[in-house]
Amino acid sequence: GSLEEPKAESSISLLPHLEAKIRQTHSLARLLTK
């Protein structure tokens, strides 16, 4: 059971990282539009 837990945690922790990357890229695109 203890071996399964890190896998679940890593898949969940990817989501905030992806959202942050999307927001960062969107901010860059907005700046470059100006």
PDB file of all heavy atoms in Angstrom:
ATOM      1  N   GLY A   1       0.822  -1.208   0.000  1.00  0.00           N
ATOM      2  CA  GLY A   1       0.000   0.000   0.000  1.00  0.00           C
ATOM      3  C   GLY A   1       0.848   1.248   0.000  1.00  0.00           C
ATOM      4  O   GLY A   1       0.534   2.237  -0.646  1.00  0.00           O
ATOM      5  N   SER A   2       1.967   1.230   0.709  1.00  0.00           N
ATOM      6  CA  SER A   2       2.819   2.414   0.786  1.00  0.00           C
ATOM      7  C   SER A   2       3.489   2.706  -0.549  1.00  0.00           C
ATOM      8  O   SER A   2       3.831   3.841  -0.846  1.00  0.00           O
ATOM      9  CB  SER A   2       3.888   2.227   1.866  1.00  0.00           C
ATOM     10  OG  SER A   2       4.766   1.169   1.514  1.00  0.00           O
ATOM     11  N   LEU A   3       3.678   1.652  -1.388  1.00  0.00           N
ATOM     12  CA  LEU A   3       4.279   1.866  -2.693  1.00  0.00           C
ATOM     13  C   LEU A   3       3.301   2.514  -3.657  1.00  0.00           C
ATOM     14  O   LEU A   3       3.698   3.172  -4.613  1.00  0.00           O
ATOM     15  CB  LEU A   3       4.756   0.527  -3.280  1.00  0.00           C
ATOM     16  CG  LEU A   3       5.947  -0.121  -2.569  1.00  0.00           C
ATOM     17  CD1 LEU A   3       6.241  -1.476  -3.179  1.00  0.00           C
ATOM     18  CD2 LEU A   3       7.182   0.778  -2.675  1.00  0.00           C
ATOM     19  N   GLU A   4       2.022   2.347  -3.446  1.00  0.00           N
ATOM     20  CA  GLU A   4       1.019   2.906  -4.347  1.00  0.00           C
ATOM     21  C   GLU A   4       0.802   4.396  -4.103  1.00  0.00           C
ATOM     22  O   GLU A   4       0.447   5.129  -5.000  1.00  0.00           O
ATOM     23  CB  GLU A   4      -0.316   2.179  -4.169  1.00  0.00           C
ATOM     24  CG  GLU A   4      -0.310   0.730  -4.633  1.00  0.00           C
ATOM     25  CD  GLU A   4      -0.089   0.627  -6.139  1.00  0.00           C
ATOM     26  OE1 GLU A   4      -0.556   1.524  -6.855  1.00  0.00           O
ATOM     27  OE2 GLU A   4       0.555  -0.329  -6.577  1.00  0.00           O
ATOM     28  N   GLU A   5       1.014   4.858  -2.890  1.00  0.00           N
ATOM     29  CA  GLU A   5       0.670   6.222  -2.538  1.00  0.00           C
ATOM     30  C   GLU A   5       1.483   7.284  -3.297  1.00  0.00           C
ATOM     31  O   GLU A   5       0.899   8.231  -3.822  1.00  0.00           O
ATOM     32  CB  GLU A   5       0.828   6.431  -1.028  1.00  0.00           C
ATOM     33  CG  GLU A   5      -0.218   5.674  -0.240  1.00  0.00           C
ATOM     34  CD  GLU A   5       0.046   5.726   1.248  1.00  0.00           C
ATOM     35  OE1 GLU A   5       1.026   6.391   1.646  1.00  0.00           O
ATOM     36  OE2 GLU A   5      -0.726   5.108   1.989  1.00  0.00           O
ATOM     37  N   PRO A   6       2.821   7.147  -3.442  1.00  0.00           N
ATOM     38  CA  PRO A   6       3.575   8.174  -4.171  1.00  0.00           C
ATOM     39  C   PRO A   6       3.103   8.330  -5.602  1.00  0.00           C
ATOM     40  O   PRO A   6       3.097   9.414  -6.142  1.00  0.00           O
ATOM     41  CB  PRO A   6       5.023   7.671  -4.114  1.00  0.00           C
ATOM     42  CG  PRO A   6       5.058   6.787  -2.899  1.00  0.00           C
ATOM     43  CD  PRO A   6       3.710   6.140  -2.851  1.00  0.00           C
ATOM     44  N   LYS A   7       2.680   7.212  -6.239  1.00  0.00           N
ATOM     45  CA  LYS A   7       2.222   7.279  -7.615  1.00  0.00           C
ATOM     46  C   LYS A   7       0.981   8.151  -7.707  1.00  0.00           C
ATOM     47  O   LYS A   7       0.842   8.997  -8.583  1.00  0.00           O
ATOM     48  CB  LYS A   7       1.943   5.873  -8.140  1.00  0.00           C
ATOM     49  CG  LYS A   7       1.552   5.847  -9.619  1.00  0.00           C
ATOM     50  CD  LYS A   7       1.170   4.444 -10.053  1.00  0.00           C
ATOM     51  CE  LYS A   7       2.349   3.513  -9.955  1.00  0.00           C
ATOM     52  NZ  LYS A   7       2.025   2.152 -10.446  1.00  0.00           N
ATOM     53  N   ALA A   8       0.044   7.963  -6.807  1.00  0.00           N
ATOM     54  CA  ALA A   8      -1.177   8.766  -6.811  1.00  0.00           C
ATOM     55  C   ALA A   8      -0.862  10.228  -6.547  1.00  0.00           C
ATOM     56  O   ALA A   8      -1.408  11.124  -7.182  1.00  0.00           O
ATOM     57  CB  ALA A   8      -2.150   8.235  -5.752  1.00  0.00           C
ATOM     58  N   GLU A   9       0.051  10.470  -5.615  1.00  0.00           N
ATOM     59  CA  GLU A   9       0.398  11.839  -5.285  1.00  0.00           C
ATOM     60  C   GLU A   9       1.059  12.542  -6.465  1.00  0.00           C
ATOM     61  O   GLU A   9       0.790  13.709  -6.732  1.00  0.00           O
ATOM     62  CB  GLU A   9       1.332  11.862  -4.075  1.00  0.00           C
ATOM     63  CG  GLU A   9       0.632  11.483  -2.773  1.00  0.00           C
ATOM     64  CD  GLU A   9       1.623  11.394  -1.628  1.00  0.00           C
ATOM     65  OE1 GLU A   9       2.823  11.616  -1.891  1.00  0.00           O
ATOM     66  OE2 GLU A   9       1.213  11.093  -0.507  1.00  0.00           O
ATOM     67  N   SER A  10       1.927  11.819  -7.223  1.00  0.00           N
ATOM     68  CA  SER A  10       2.623  12.452  -8.333  1.00  0.00           C
ATOM     69  C   SER A  10       1.655  12.814  -9.444  1.00  0.00           C
ATOM     70  O   SER A  10       1.796  13.845 -10.090  1.00  0.00           O
ATOM     71  CB  SER A  10       3.723  11.531  -8.872  1.00  0.00           C
ATOM     72  OG  SER A  10       3.148  10.355  -9.417  1.00  0.00           O
ATOM     73  N   SER A  11       0.628  11.963  -9.697  1.00  0.00           N
ATOM     74  CA  SER A  11      -0.333  12.263 -10.749  1.00  0.00           C
ATOM     75  C   SER A  11      -1.178  13.465 -10.386  1.00  0.00           C
ATOM     76  O   SER A  11      -1.557  14.267 -11.231  1.00  0.00           O
ATOM     77  CB  SER A  11      -1.222  11.048 -11.017  1.00  0.00           C
ATOM     78  OG  SER A  11      -1.979  10.737  -9.862  1.00  0.00           O
ATOM     79  N   ILE A  12      -1.473  13.625  -9.106  1.00  0.00           N
ATOM     80  CA  ILE A  12      -2.277  14.765  -8.670  1.00  0.00           C
ATOM     81  C   ILE A  12      -1.444  16.040  -8.693  1.00  0.00           C
ATOM     82  O   ILE A  12      -1.904  17.088  -9.096  1.00  0.00           O
ATOM     83  CB  ILE A  12      -2.836  14.511  -7.254  1.00  0.00           C
ATOM     84  CG1 ILE A  12      -3.848  13.361  -7.304  1.00  0.00           C
ATOM     85  CG2 ILE A  12      -3.484  15.759  -6.698  1.00  0.00           C
ATOM     86  CD1 ILE A  12      -4.326  12.921  -5.933  1.00  0.00           C
ATOM     87  N   SER A  13      -0.182  15.944  -8.302  1.00  0.00           N
ATOM     88  CA  SER A  13       0.659  17.136  -8.235  1.00  0.00           C
ATOM     89  C   SER A  13       0.972  17.682  -9.618  1.00  0.00           C
ATOM     90  O   SER A  13       1.365  18.834  -9.747  1.00  0.00           O
ATOM     91  CB  SER A  13       1.968  16.821  -7.496  1.00  0.00           C
ATOM     92  OG  SER A  13       2.729  15.867  -8.216  1.00  0.00           O
ATOM     93  N   LEU A  14       0.800  16.873 -10.683  1.00  0.00           N
ATOM     94  CA  LEU A  14       1.056  17.339 -12.034  1.00  0.00           C
ATOM     95  C   LEU A  14       0.026  18.378 -12.456  1.00  0.00           C
ATOM     96  O   LEU A  14       0.324  19.288 -13.222  1.00  0.00           O
ATOM     97  CB  LEU A  14       1.028  16.157 -13.014  1.00  0.00           C
ATOM     98  CG  LEU A  14       1.215  16.485 -14.493  1.00  0.00           C
ATOM     99  CD1 LEU A  14       2.604  17.053 -14.716  1.00  0.00           C
ATOM    100  CD2 LEU A  14       1.005  15.242 -15.347  1.00  0.00           C
ATOM    101  N   LEU A  15      -1.190  18.291 -11.956  1.00  0.00           N
ATOM    102  CA  LEU A  15      -2.255  19.175 -12.398  1.00  0.00           C
ATOM    103  C   LEU A  15      -1.983  20.641 -12.077  1.00  0.00           C
ATOM    104  O   LEU A  15      -2.099  21.482 -12.960  1.00  0.00           O
ATOM    105  CB  LEU A  15      -3.593  18.715 -11.805  1.00  0.00           C
ATOM    106  CG  LEU A  15      -4.051  17.320 -12.261  1.00  0.00           C
ATOM    107  CD1 LEU A  15      -5.349  16.934 -11.566  1.00  0.00           C
ATOM    108  CD2 LEU A  15      -4.225  17.276 -13.771  1.00  0.00           C
ATOM    109  N   PRO A  16      -1.620  20.990 -10.844  1.00  0.00           N
ATOM    110  CA  PRO A  16      -1.286  22.403 -10.575  1.00  0.00           C
ATOM    111  C   PRO A  16      -0.099  22.879 -11.409  1.00  0.00           C
ATOM    112  O   PRO A  16      -0.060  24.034 -11.833  1.00  0.00           O
ATOM    113  CB  PRO A  16      -0.960  22.414  -9.081  1.00  0.00           C
ATOM    114  CG  PRO A  16      -1.650  21.223  -8.524  1.00  0.00           C
ATOM    115  CD  PRO A  16      -1.591  20.195  -9.613  1.00  0.00           C
ATOM    116  N   HIS A  17       0.870  21.978 -11.654  1.00  0.00           N
ATOM    117  CA  HIS A  17       2.025  22.354 -12.457  1.00  0.00           C
ATOM    118  C   HIS A  17       1.593  22.677 -13.890  1.00  0.00           C
ATOM    119  O   HIS A  17       2.037  23.673 -14.473  1.00  0.00           O
ATOM    120  CB  HIS A  17       3.050  21.219 -12.462  1.00  0.00           C
ATOM    121  CG  HIS A  17       4.188  21.439 -13.420  1.00  0.00           C
ATOM    122  ND1 HIS A  17       5.204  22.330 -13.166  1.00  0.00           N
ATOM    123  CD2 HIS A  17       4.451  20.899 -14.647  1.00  0.00           C
ATOM    124  CE1 HIS A  17       6.056  22.327 -14.179  1.00  0.00           C
ATOM    125  NE2 HIS A  17       5.617  21.477 -15.092  1.00  0.00           N
ATOM    126  N   LEU A  18       0.703  21.871 -14.457  1.00  0.00           N
ATOM    127  CA  LEU A  18       0.214  22.105 -15.814  1.00  0.00           C
ATOM    128  C   LEU A  18      -0.592  23.398 -15.874  1.00  0.00           C
ATOM    129  O   LEU A  18      -0.428  24.202 -16.791  1.00  0.00           O
ATOM    130  CB  LEU A  18      -0.640  20.921 -16.273  1.00  0.00           C
ATOM    131  CG  LEU A  18      -1.356  21.082 -17.627  1.00  0.00           C
ATOM    132  CD1 LEU A  18      -0.359  21.385 -18.735  1.00  0.00           C
ATOM    133  CD2 LEU A  18      -2.154  19.819 -17.944  1.00  0.00           C
ATOM    134  N   GLU A  19      -1.442  23.613 -14.908  1.00  0.00           N
ATOM    135  CA  GLU A  19      -2.252  24.836 -14.878  1.00  0.00           C
ATOM    136  C   GLU A  19      -1.364  26.072 -14.791  1.00  0.00           C
ATOM    137  O   GLU A  19      -1.605  27.077 -15.465  1.00  0.00           O
ATOM    138  CB  GLU A  19      -3.215  24.804 -13.691  1.00  0.00           C
ATOM    139  CG  GLU A  19      -4.127  26.031 -13.623  1.00  0.00           C
ATOM    140  CD  GLU A  19      -5.078  25.986 -12.440  1.00  0.00           C
ATOM    141  OE1 GLU A  19      -5.022  25.013 -11.669  1.00  0.00           O
ATOM    142  OE2 GLU A  19      -5.868  26.936 -12.291  1.00  0.00           O
ATOM    143  N   ALA A  20      -0.308  25.986 -13.985  1.00  0.00           N
ATOM    144  CA  ALA A  20       0.609  27.120 -13.847  1.00  0.00           C
ATOM    145  C   ALA A  20       1.332  27.393 -15.162  1.00  0.00           C
ATOM    146  O   ALA A  20       1.525  28.560 -15.546  1.00  0.00           O
ATOM    147  CB  ALA A  20       1.622  26.841 -12.737  1.00  0.00           C
ATOM    148  N   LYS A  21       1.717  26.331 -15.877  1.00  0.00           N
ATOM    149  CA  LYS A  21       2.413  26.495 -17.159  1.00  0.00           C
ATOM    150  C   LYS A  21       1.477  27.118 -18.186  1.00  0.00           C
ATOM    151  O   LYS A  21       1.897  27.995 -18.967  1.00  0.00           O
ATOM    152  CB  LYS A  21       2.917  25.133 -17.657  1.00  0.00           C
ATOM    153  CG  LYS A  21       3.677  25.218 -18.974  1.00  0.00           C
ATOM    154  CD  LYS A  21       4.912  26.095 -18.839  1.00  0.00           C
ATOM    155  CE  LYS A  21       5.675  26.189 -20.151  1.00  0.00           C
ATOM    156  NZ  LYS A  21       6.842  27.093 -20.039  1.00  0.00           N
ATOM    157  N   ILE A  22       0.226  26.691 -18.202  1.00  0.00           N
ATOM    158  CA  ILE A  22      -0.742  27.260 -19.147  1.00  0.00           C
ATOM    159  C   ILE A  22      -0.954  28.738 -18.862  1.00  0.00           C
ATOM    160  O   ILE A  22      -0.973  29.569 -19.779  1.00  0.00           O
ATOM    161  CB  ILE A  22      -2.077  26.493 -19.076  1.00  0.00           C
ATOM    162  CG1 ILE A  22      -1.888  25.072 -19.636  1.00  0.00           C
ATOM    163  CG2 ILE A  22      -3.168  27.220 -19.858  1.00  0.00           C
ATOM    164  CD1 ILE A  22      -3.089  24.170 -19.431  1.00  0.00           C
ATOM    165  N   ARG A  23      -1.119  29.090 -17.588  1.00  0.00           N
ATOM    166  CA  ARG A  23      -1.327  30.497 -17.228  1.00  0.00           C
ATOM    167  C   ARG A  23      -0.094  31.339 -17.576  1.00  0.00           C
ATOM    168  O   ARG A  23      -0.217  32.469 -18.055  1.00  0.00           O
ATOM    169  CB  ARG A  23      -1.649  30.616 -15.738  1.00  0.00           C
ATOM    170  CG  ARG A  23      -3.032  30.081 -15.372  1.00  0.00           C
ATOM    171  CD  ARG A  23      -3.376  30.344 -13.917  1.00  0.00           C
ATOM    172  NE  ARG A  23      -4.702  29.834 -13.606  1.00  0.00           N
ATOM    173  CZ  ARG A  23      -5.832  30.481 -13.866  1.00  0.00           C
ATOM    174  NH1 ARG A  23      -5.784  31.680 -14.437  1.00  0.00           N
ATOM    175  NH2 ARG A  23      -6.998  29.950 -13.579  1.00  0.00           N
ATOM    176  N   GLN A  24       1.074  30.794 -17.343  1.00  0.00           N
ATOM    177  CA  GLN A  24       2.309  31.506 -17.656  1.00  0.00           C
ATOM    178  C   GLN A  24       2.425  31.752 -19.163  1.00  0.00           C
ATOM    179  O   GLN A  24       2.782  32.858 -19.602  1.00  0.00           O
ATOM    180  CB  GLN A  24       3.510  30.695 -17.165  1.00  0.00           C
ATOM    181  CG  GLN A  24       4.856  31.349 -17.423  1.00  0.00           C
ATOM    182  CD  GLN A  24       6.019  30.456 -17.016  1.00  0.00           C
ATOM    183  OE1 GLN A  24       5.939  29.228 -17.137  1.00  0.00           O
ATOM    184  NE2 GLN A  24       7.081  31.063 -16.521  1.00  0.00           N
ATOM    185  N   THR A  25       2.102  30.737 -19.957  1.00  0.00           N
ATOM    186  CA  THR A  25       2.177  30.866 -21.407  1.00  0.00           C
ATOM    187  C   THR A  25       1.113  31.820 -21.924  1.00  0.00           C
ATOM    188  O   THR A  25       1.359  32.611 -22.849  1.00  0.00           O
ATOM    189  CB  THR A  25       2.017  29.481 -22.073  1.00  0.00           C
ATOM    190  OG1 THR A  25       2.966  28.568 -21.506  1.00  0.00           O
ATOM    191  CG2 THR A  25       2.258  29.558 -23.573  1.00  0.00           C
ATOM    192  N   HIS A  26      -0.076  31.777 -21.318  1.00  0.00           N
ATOM    193  CA  HIS A  26      -1.145  32.698 -21.698  1.00  0.00           C
ATOM    194  C   HIS A  26      -0.742  34.140 -21.399  1.00  0.00           C
ATOM    195  O   HIS A  26      -0.992  35.049 -22.209  1.00  0.00           O
ATOM    196  CB  HIS A  26      -2.425  32.331 -20.945  1.00  0.00           C
ATOM    197  CG  HIS A  26      -3.576  33.228 -21.257  1.00  0.00           C
ATOM    198  ND1 HIS A  26      -4.091  34.126 -20.345  1.00  0.00           N
ATOM    199  CD2 HIS A  26      -4.316  33.381 -22.392  1.00  0.00           C
ATOM    200  CE1 HIS A  26      -5.097  34.781 -20.895  1.00  0.00           C
ATOM    201  NE2 HIS A  26      -5.257  34.361 -22.129  1.00  0.00           N
ATOM    202  N   SER A  27      -0.108  34.376 -20.263  1.00  0.00           N
ATOM    203  CA  SER A  27       0.352  35.720 -19.909  1.00  0.00           C
ATOM    204  C   SER A  27       1.397  36.215 -20.900  1.00  0.00           C
ATOM    205  O   SER A  27       1.401  37.394 -21.291  1.00  0.00           O
ATOM    206  CB  SER A  27       0.921  35.734 -18.489  1.00  0.00           C
ATOM    207  OG  SER A  27      -0.078  35.436 -17.533  1.00  0.00           O
ATOM    208  N   LEU A  28       2.291  35.307 -21.324  1.00  0.00           N
ATOM    209  CA  LEU A  28       3.304  35.673 -22.312  1.00  0.00           C
ATOM    210  C   LEU A  28       2.646  36.052 -23.633  1.00  0.00           C
ATOM    211  O   LEU A  28       3.013  37.057 -24.256  1.00  0.00           O
ATOM    212  CB  LEU A  28       4.279  34.513 -22.518  1.00  0.00           C
ATOM    213  CG  LEU A  28       5.332  34.693 -23.615  1.00  0.00           C
ATOM    214  CD1 LEU A  28       6.228  35.892 -23.315  1.00  0.00           C
ATOM    215  CD2 LEU A  28       6.171  33.420 -23.766  1.00  0.00           C
ATOM    216  N   ALA A  29       1.657  35.263 -24.069  1.00  0.00           N
ATOM    217  CA  ALA A  29       0.959  35.553 -25.326  1.00  0.00           C
ATOM    218  C   ALA A  29       0.227  36.893 -25.245  1.00  0.00           C
ATOM    219  O   ALA A  29       0.224  37.667 -26.207  1.00  0.00           O
ATOM    220  CB  ALA A  29      -0.027  34.429 -25.651  1.00  0.00           C
ATOM    221  N   ARG A  30      -0.371  37.184 -24.093  1.00  0.00           N
ATOM    222  CA  ARG A  30      -1.070  38.458 -23.928  1.00  0.00           C
ATOM    223  C   ARG A  30      -0.094  39.626 -24.011  1.00  0.00           C
ATOM    224  O   ARG A  30      -0.384  40.658 -24.632  1.00  0.00           O
ATOM    225  CB  ARG A  30      -1.816  38.475 -22.593  1.00  0.00           C
ATOM    226  CG  ARG A  30      -2.672  39.733 -22.395  1.00  0.00           C
ATOM    227  CD  ARG A  30      -3.602  39.617 -21.208  1.00  0.00           C
ATOM    228  NE  ARG A  30      -2.889  39.370 -19.969  1.00  0.00           N
ATOM    229  CZ  ARG A  30      -3.015  38.279 -19.231  1.00  0.00           C
ATOM    230  NH1 ARG A  30      -3.842  37.310 -19.612  1.00  0.00           N
ATOM    231  NH2 ARG A  30      -2.337  38.131 -18.113  1.00  0.00           N
ATOM    232  N   LEU A  31       1.079  39.470 -23.410  1.00  0.00           N
ATOM    233  CA  LEU A  31       2.094  40.518 -23.454  1.00  0.00           C
ATOM    234  C   LEU A  31       2.597  40.728 -24.883  1.00  0.00           C
ATOM    235  O   LEU A  31       2.747  41.869 -25.338  1.00  0.00           O
ATOM    236  CB  LEU A  31       3.252  40.146 -22.531  1.00  0.00           C
ATOM    237  CG  LEU A  31       4.410  41.149 -22.439  1.00  0.00           C
ATOM    238  CD1 LEU A  31       3.933  42.470 -21.840  1.00  0.00           C
ATOM    239  CD2 LEU A  31       5.544  40.564 -21.603  1.00  0.00           C
ATOM    240  N   LEU A  32       2.819  39.630 -25.598  1.00  0.00           N
ATOM    241  CA  LEU A  32       3.333  39.735 -26.958  1.00  0.00           C
ATOM    242  C   LEU A  32       2.292  40.292 -27.919  1.00  0.00           C
ATOM    243  O   LEU A  32       2.652  40.883 -28.946  1.00  0.00           O
ATOM    244  CB  LEU A  32       3.828  38.363 -27.444  1.00  0.00           C
ATOM    245  CG  LEU A  32       5.001  37.761 -26.664  1.00  0.00           C
ATOM    246  CD1 LEU A  32       5.574  36.558 -27.397  1.00  0.00           C
ATOM    247  CD2 LEU A  32       6.088  38.795 -26.421  1.00  0.00           C
ATOM    248  N   THR A  33       1.012  40.115 -27.607  1.00  0.00           N
ATOM    249  CA  THR A  33      -0.026  40.730 -28.424  1.00  0.00           C
ATOM    250  C   THR A  33       0.103  42.246 -28.395  1.00  0.00           C
ATOM    251  O   THR A  33      -0.038  42.922 -29.426  1.00  0.00           O
ATOM    252  CB  THR A  33      -1.426  40.303 -27.924  1.00  0.00           C
ATOM    253  OG1 THR A  33      -1.564  38.880 -28.059  1.00  0.00           O
ATOM    254  CG2 THR A  33      -2.526  40.986 -28.722  1.00  0.00           C
ATOM    255  N   LYS A  34       0.400  42.791 -27.227  1.00  0.00           N
ATOM    256  CA  LYS A  34       0.612  44.243 -27.107  1.00  0.00           C
ATOM    257  C   LYS A  34       1.882  44.662 -27.848  1.00  0.00           C
ATOM    258  O   LYS A  34       1.905  45.690 -28.536  1.00  0.00           O
ATOM    259  CB  LYS A  34       0.707  44.636 -25.640  1.00  0.00           C
ATOM    260  CG  LYS A  34      -0.571  44.391 -24.849  1.00  0.00           C
ATOM    261  CD  LYS A  34      -0.394  44.763 -23.382  1.00  0.00           C
ATOM    262  CE  LYS A  34      -1.660  44.475 -22.588  1.00  0.00           C
ATOM    263  NZ  LYS A  34      -1.486  44.788 -21.141  1.00  0.00           N
TER     264      LYS A  34
END
